[in-house]
Amino acid sequence: HEDGIYTEESKENLNKNIFEAEKFYKNAFPQINILRFGGLMGDERRFSNYFKNKAISQPDDVVNHIHYEDIAEITQLLIQNKIESKIYNIVAPLHPTKEQVLDYQVNNIESKVENLENGRIVLGTLLENELEYNFIKPNPIYF
């Protein structure tokens, strides 16, 4: 995964297999929506669970997570509004670092989430703008 900022329009440095599958399904079924989910989190799916007794690589890289409650709400909005033929990145709007998430979840140390640019940052602003969506859980630190 290459570092940088990624939107729905990004064509460079995407997973080739997933990108080819997206193209195949868009060609076969032009009306479908493609939802590119960030890391699924919420309840017992906590980032810290994946690093028990393990060191994290690149702790200053940001996370691109989404809470399952937002996935459910967004899916319902898409169905209710009869949205078709769209590609959306479904990720929380805030991107704390891996270290910030772990500090809070493991040690209850809270820090302010800055607009950092370390690592791969996936933006979901198209969905926010087009559907005027306000995230239920905008900050992955608290997932």
C-alpha atoms as a PDB file:
ATOM      1  CA  HIS A   1       0.000   0.000   0.000  1.00  0.00           C
ATOM      2  CA  GLU A   2       1.447   3.294  -1.072  1.00  0.00           C
ATOM      3  CA  ASP A   3       1.225   6.305   1.203  1.00  0.00           C
ATOM      4  CA  GLY A   4      -0.968   9.160   0.081  1.00  0.00           C
ATOM      5  CA  ILE A   5      -4.512  10.452   0.060  1.00  0.00           C
ATOM      6  CA  TYR A   6      -7.107   8.307  -1.720  1.00  0.00           C
ATOM      7  CA  THR A   7     -10.574   9.294  -2.899  1.00  0.00           C
ATOM      8  CA  GLU A   8     -13.109   7.448  -5.022  1.00  0.00           C
ATOM      9  CA  GLU A   9     -11.416   8.984  -8.061  1.00  0.00           C
ATOM     10  CA  SER A  10      -7.987   7.575  -7.237  1.00  0.00           C
ATOM     11  CA  LYS A  11      -6.717   5.097  -9.820  1.00  0.00           C
ATOM     12  CA  GLU A  12      -3.097   4.655  -8.750  1.00  0.00           C
ATOM     13  CA  ASN A  13      -1.830   2.149  -6.182  1.00  0.00           C
ATOM     14  CA  LEU A  14      -5.123   0.317  -5.722  1.00  0.00           C
ATOM     15  CA  ASN A  15      -5.315  -3.410  -5.102  1.00  0.00           C
ATOM     16  CA  LYS A  16      -5.344  -4.723  -8.680  1.00  0.00           C
ATOM     17  CA  ASN A  17      -7.559  -7.740  -7.938  1.00  0.00           C
ATOM     18  CA  ILE A  18     -10.199  -5.670  -6.159  1.00  0.00           C
ATOM     19  CA  PHE A  19     -10.068  -2.945  -8.808  1.00  0.00           C
ATOM     20  CA  GLU A  20     -10.550  -5.540 -11.589  1.00  0.00           C
ATOM     21  CA  ALA A  21     -13.480  -7.093  -9.694  1.00  0.00           C
ATOM     22  CA  GLU A  22     -15.065  -3.651  -9.326  1.00  0.00           C
ATOM     23  CA  LYS A  23     -14.707  -3.012 -13.062  1.00  0.00           C
ATOM     24  CA  PHE A  24     -16.177  -6.419 -13.889  1.00  0.00           C
ATOM     25  CA  TYR A  25     -19.267  -5.897 -11.724  1.00  0.00           C
ATOM     26  CA  LYS A  26     -19.771  -2.285 -12.847  1.00  0.00           C
ATOM     27  CA  ASN A  27     -19.713  -3.458 -16.481  1.00  0.00           C
ATOM     28  CA  ALA A  28     -22.055  -6.384 -15.818  1.00  0.00           C
ATOM     29  CA  PHE A  29     -24.422  -4.451 -13.542  1.00  0.00           C
ATOM     30  CA  PRO A  30     -24.034  -0.686 -14.153  1.00  0.00           C
ATOM     31  CA  GLN A  31     -26.658   0.170 -11.527  1.00  0.00           C
ATOM     32  CA  ILE A  32     -24.786  -1.401  -8.580  1.00  0.00           C
ATOM     33  CA  ASN A  33     -23.111   0.621  -5.872  1.00  0.00           C
ATOM     34  CA  ILE A  34     -19.581  -0.233  -4.872  1.00  0.00           C
ATOM     35  CA  LEU A  35     -18.851   0.453  -1.219  1.00  0.00           C
ATOM     36  CA  ARG A  36     -15.191   0.485  -0.254  1.00  0.00           C
ATOM     37  CA  PHE A  37     -15.201  -0.117   3.492  1.00  0.00           C
ATOM     38  CA  GLY A  38     -12.404   0.838   5.831  1.00  0.00           C
ATOM     39  CA  GLY A  39     -11.432  -1.511   8.626  1.00  0.00           C
ATOM     40  CA  LEU A  40     -14.629  -2.716  10.298  1.00  0.00           C
ATOM     41  CA  MET A  41     -14.707  -1.886  13.998  1.00  0.00           C
ATOM     42  CA  GLY A  42     -17.178  -1.693  16.884  1.00  0.00           C
ATOM     43  CA  ASP A  43     -18.118  -3.612  20.046  1.00  0.00           C
ATOM     44  CA  GLU A  44     -15.654  -6.496  20.438  1.00  0.00           C
ATOM     45  CA  ARG A  45     -13.914  -5.603  17.158  1.00  0.00           C
ATOM     46  CA  ARG A  46     -11.371  -3.229  18.652  1.00  0.00           C
ATOM     47  CA  PHE A  47      -8.086  -2.272  17.048  1.00  0.00           C
ATOM     48  CA  SER A  48      -6.220  -3.089  20.257  1.00  0.00           C
ATOM     49  CA  ASN A  49      -7.432  -6.713  20.114  1.00  0.00           C
ATOM     50  CA  TYR A  50      -5.277  -7.303  17.043  1.00  0.00           C
ATOM     51  CA  PHE A  51      -2.081  -6.195  18.779  1.00  0.00           C
ATOM     52  CA  LYS A  52      -2.142  -8.066  22.066  1.00  0.00           C
ATOM     53  CA  ASN A  53       1.449  -9.067  22.751  1.00  0.00           C
ATOM     54  CA  LYS A  54       2.545  -7.755  19.337  1.00  0.00           C
ATOM     55  CA  ALA A  55       4.391  -4.648  18.279  1.00  0.00           C
ATOM     56  CA  ILE A  56       2.629  -2.490  15.724  1.00  0.00           C
ATOM     57  CA  SER A  57       4.400  -1.566  12.544  1.00  0.00           C
ATOM     58  CA  GLN A  58       4.412   2.112  11.586  1.00  0.00           C
ATOM     59  CA  PRO A  59       2.645   3.449  14.713  1.00  0.00           C
ATOM     60  CA  ASP A  60       2.543   6.970  13.219  1.00  0.00           C
ATOM     61  CA  ASP A  61       0.461   5.845  10.233  1.00  0.00           C
ATOM     62  CA  VAL A  62      -3.209   6.761  10.372  1.00  0.00           C
ATOM     63  CA  VAL A  63      -6.098   4.308  10.529  1.00  0.00           C
ATOM     64  CA  ASN A  64      -8.950   4.141   8.012  1.00  0.00           C
ATOM     65  CA  HIS A  65     -11.690   2.559  10.100  1.00  0.00           C
ATOM     66  CA  ILE A  66     -15.479   2.512  10.037  1.00  0.00           C
ATOM     67  CA  HIS A  67     -17.887   1.634  12.810  1.00  0.00           C
ATOM     68  CA  TYR A  68     -20.526  -0.979  12.010  1.00  0.00           C
ATOM     69  CA  GLU A  69     -23.310   1.391  13.156  1.00  0.00           C
ATOM     70  CA  ASP A  70     -22.331   3.833  10.413  1.00  0.00           C
ATOM     71  CA  ILE A  71     -22.252   1.027   7.846  1.00  0.00           C
ATOM     72  CA  ALA A  72     -25.823   0.070   8.758  1.00  0.00           C
ATOM     73  CA  GLU A  73     -27.026   3.688   8.630  1.00  0.00           C
ATOM     74  CA  ILE A  74     -25.282   4.418   5.314  1.00  0.00           C
ATOM     75  CA  THR A  75     -26.655   1.245   3.734  1.00  0.00           C
ATOM     76  CA  GLN A  76     -30.161   2.194   4.832  1.00  0.00           C
ATOM     77  CA  LEU A  77     -29.712   5.707   3.395  1.00  0.00           C
ATOM     78  CA  LEU A  78     -28.570   4.314   0.044  1.00  0.00           C
ATOM     79  CA  ILE A  79     -31.604   2.027  -0.141  1.00  0.00           C
ATOM     80  CA  GLN A  80     -34.103   4.675   0.991  1.00  0.00           C
ATOM     81  CA  ASN A  81     -32.764   7.226  -1.476  1.00  0.00           C
ATOM     82  CA  LYS A  82     -32.590   4.656  -4.307  1.00  0.00           C
ATOM     83  CA  ILE A  83     -28.946   5.549  -4.954  1.00  0.00           C
ATOM     84  CA  GLU A  84     -27.477   3.677  -7.922  1.00  0.00           C
ATOM     85  CA  SER A  85     -24.241   3.469  -9.888  1.00  0.00           C
ATOM     86  CA  LYS A  86     -22.021   5.035  -7.239  1.00  0.00           C
ATOM     87  CA  ILE A  87     -18.646   4.239  -5.751  1.00  0.00           C
ATOM     88  CA  TYR A  88     -18.169   5.377  -2.150  1.00  0.00           C
ATOM     89  CA  ASN A  89     -15.315   5.070   0.307  1.00  0.00           C
ATOM     90  CA  ILE A  90     -16.949   4.261   3.630  1.00  0.00           C
ATOM     91  CA  VAL A  91     -14.492   5.413   6.298  1.00  0.00           C
ATOM     92  CA  ALA A  92     -14.788   7.549   9.416  1.00  0.00           C
ATOM     93  CA  PRO A  93     -13.894  11.199   8.792  1.00  0.00           C
ATOM     94  CA  LEU A  94     -11.188  11.317  11.476  1.00  0.00           C
ATOM     95  CA  HIS A  95      -7.893   9.499  11.001  1.00  0.00           C
ATOM     96  CA  PRO A  96      -5.983   9.085  14.267  1.00  0.00           C
ATOM     97  CA  THR A  97      -2.664   7.286  14.240  1.00  0.00           C
ATOM     98  CA  LYS A  98      -2.406   3.635  15.177  1.00  0.00           C
ATOM     99  CA  GLU A  99      -0.543   4.718  18.299  1.00  0.00           C
ATOM    100  CA  GLN A 100      -3.316   7.151  19.325  1.00  0.00           C
ATOM    101  CA  VAL A 101      -5.963   4.443  18.989  1.00  0.00           C
ATOM    102  CA  LEU A 102      -3.918   1.975  21.023  1.00  0.00           C
ATOM    103  CA  ASP A 103      -3.006   4.568  23.661  1.00  0.00           C
ATOM    104  CA  TYR A 104      -6.680   5.248  24.277  1.00  0.00           C
ATOM    105  CA  GLN A 105      -7.957   1.672  24.053  1.00  0.00           C
ATOM    106  CA  VAL A 106      -5.177   0.119  26.153  1.00  0.00           C
ATOM    107  CA  ASN A 107      -4.046   2.899  28.503  1.00  0.00           C
ATOM    108  CA  ASN A 108      -6.983   5.348  28.403  1.00  0.00           C
ATOM    109  CA  ILE A 109      -4.619   8.095  27.193  1.00  0.00           C
ATOM    110  CA  GLU A 110      -6.507  10.525  24.986  1.00  0.00           C
ATOM    111  CA  SER A 111      -4.905  12.811  22.419  1.00  0.00           C
ATOM    112  CA  LYS A 112      -6.224  15.264  19.859  1.00  0.00           C
ATOM    113  CA  VAL A 113      -6.582  13.909  16.324  1.00  0.00           C
ATOM    114  CA  GLU A 114      -4.692  16.176  13.941  1.00  0.00           C
ATOM    115  CA  ASN A 115      -4.977  16.165  10.181  1.00  0.00           C
ATOM    116  CA  LEU A 116      -1.849  14.114   9.701  1.00  0.00           C
ATOM    117  CA  GLU A 117      -0.636  12.777   6.416  1.00  0.00           C
ATOM    118  CA  ASN A 118       1.392   9.733   7.421  1.00  0.00           C
ATOM    119  CA  GLY A 119       0.555   6.548   5.598  1.00  0.00           C
ATOM    120  CA  ARG A 120      -2.406   5.716   3.424  1.00  0.00           C
ATOM    121  CA  ILE A 121      -5.364   8.047   4.051  1.00  0.00           C
ATOM    122  CA  VAL A 122      -8.706   7.063   2.565  1.00  0.00           C
ATOM    123  CA  LEU A 123     -11.253   9.868   2.394  1.00  0.00           C
ATOM    124  CA  GLY A 124     -14.999   9.317   2.484  1.00  0.00           C
ATOM    125  CA  THR A 125     -15.994  12.929   1.883  1.00  0.00           C
ATOM    126  CA  LEU A 126     -17.916  12.172  -1.324  1.00  0.00           C
ATOM    127  CA  LEU A 127     -20.504  10.215   0.666  1.00  0.00           C
ATOM    128  CA  GLU A 128     -20.647  12.911   3.353  1.00  0.00           C
ATOM    129  CA  ASN A 129     -21.240  15.613   0.746  1.00  0.00           C
ATOM    130  CA  GLU A 130     -23.644  13.820  -1.599  1.00  0.00           C
ATOM    131  CA  LEU A 131     -25.822  12.273   1.107  1.00  0.00           C
ATOM    132  CA  GLU A 132     -25.238  15.016   3.707  1.00  0.00           C
ATOM    133  CA  TYR A 133     -24.270  12.223   6.062  1.00  0.00           C
ATOM    134  CA  ASN A 134     -23.075  12.933   9.604  1.00  0.00           C
ATOM    135  CA  PHE A 135     -21.214  10.008  11.105  1.00  0.00           C
ATOM    136  CA  ILE A 136     -22.580   8.425  14.269  1.00  0.00           C
ATOM    137  CA  LYS A 137     -19.021   7.425  15.212  1.00  0.00           C
ATOM    138  CA  PRO A 138     -16.575   9.852  13.535  1.00  0.00           C
ATOM    139  CA  ASN A 139     -13.511   9.078  15.657  1.00  0.00           C
ATOM    140  CA  PRO A 140     -11.916   5.592  15.512  1.00  0.00           C
ATOM    141  CA  ILE A 141     -10.176   6.186  18.849  1.00  0.00           C
ATOM    142  CA  TYR A 142     -13.500   5.422  20.555  1.00  0.00           C
ATOM    143  CA  PHE A 143     -14.548   2.388  18.483  1.00  0.00           C
END
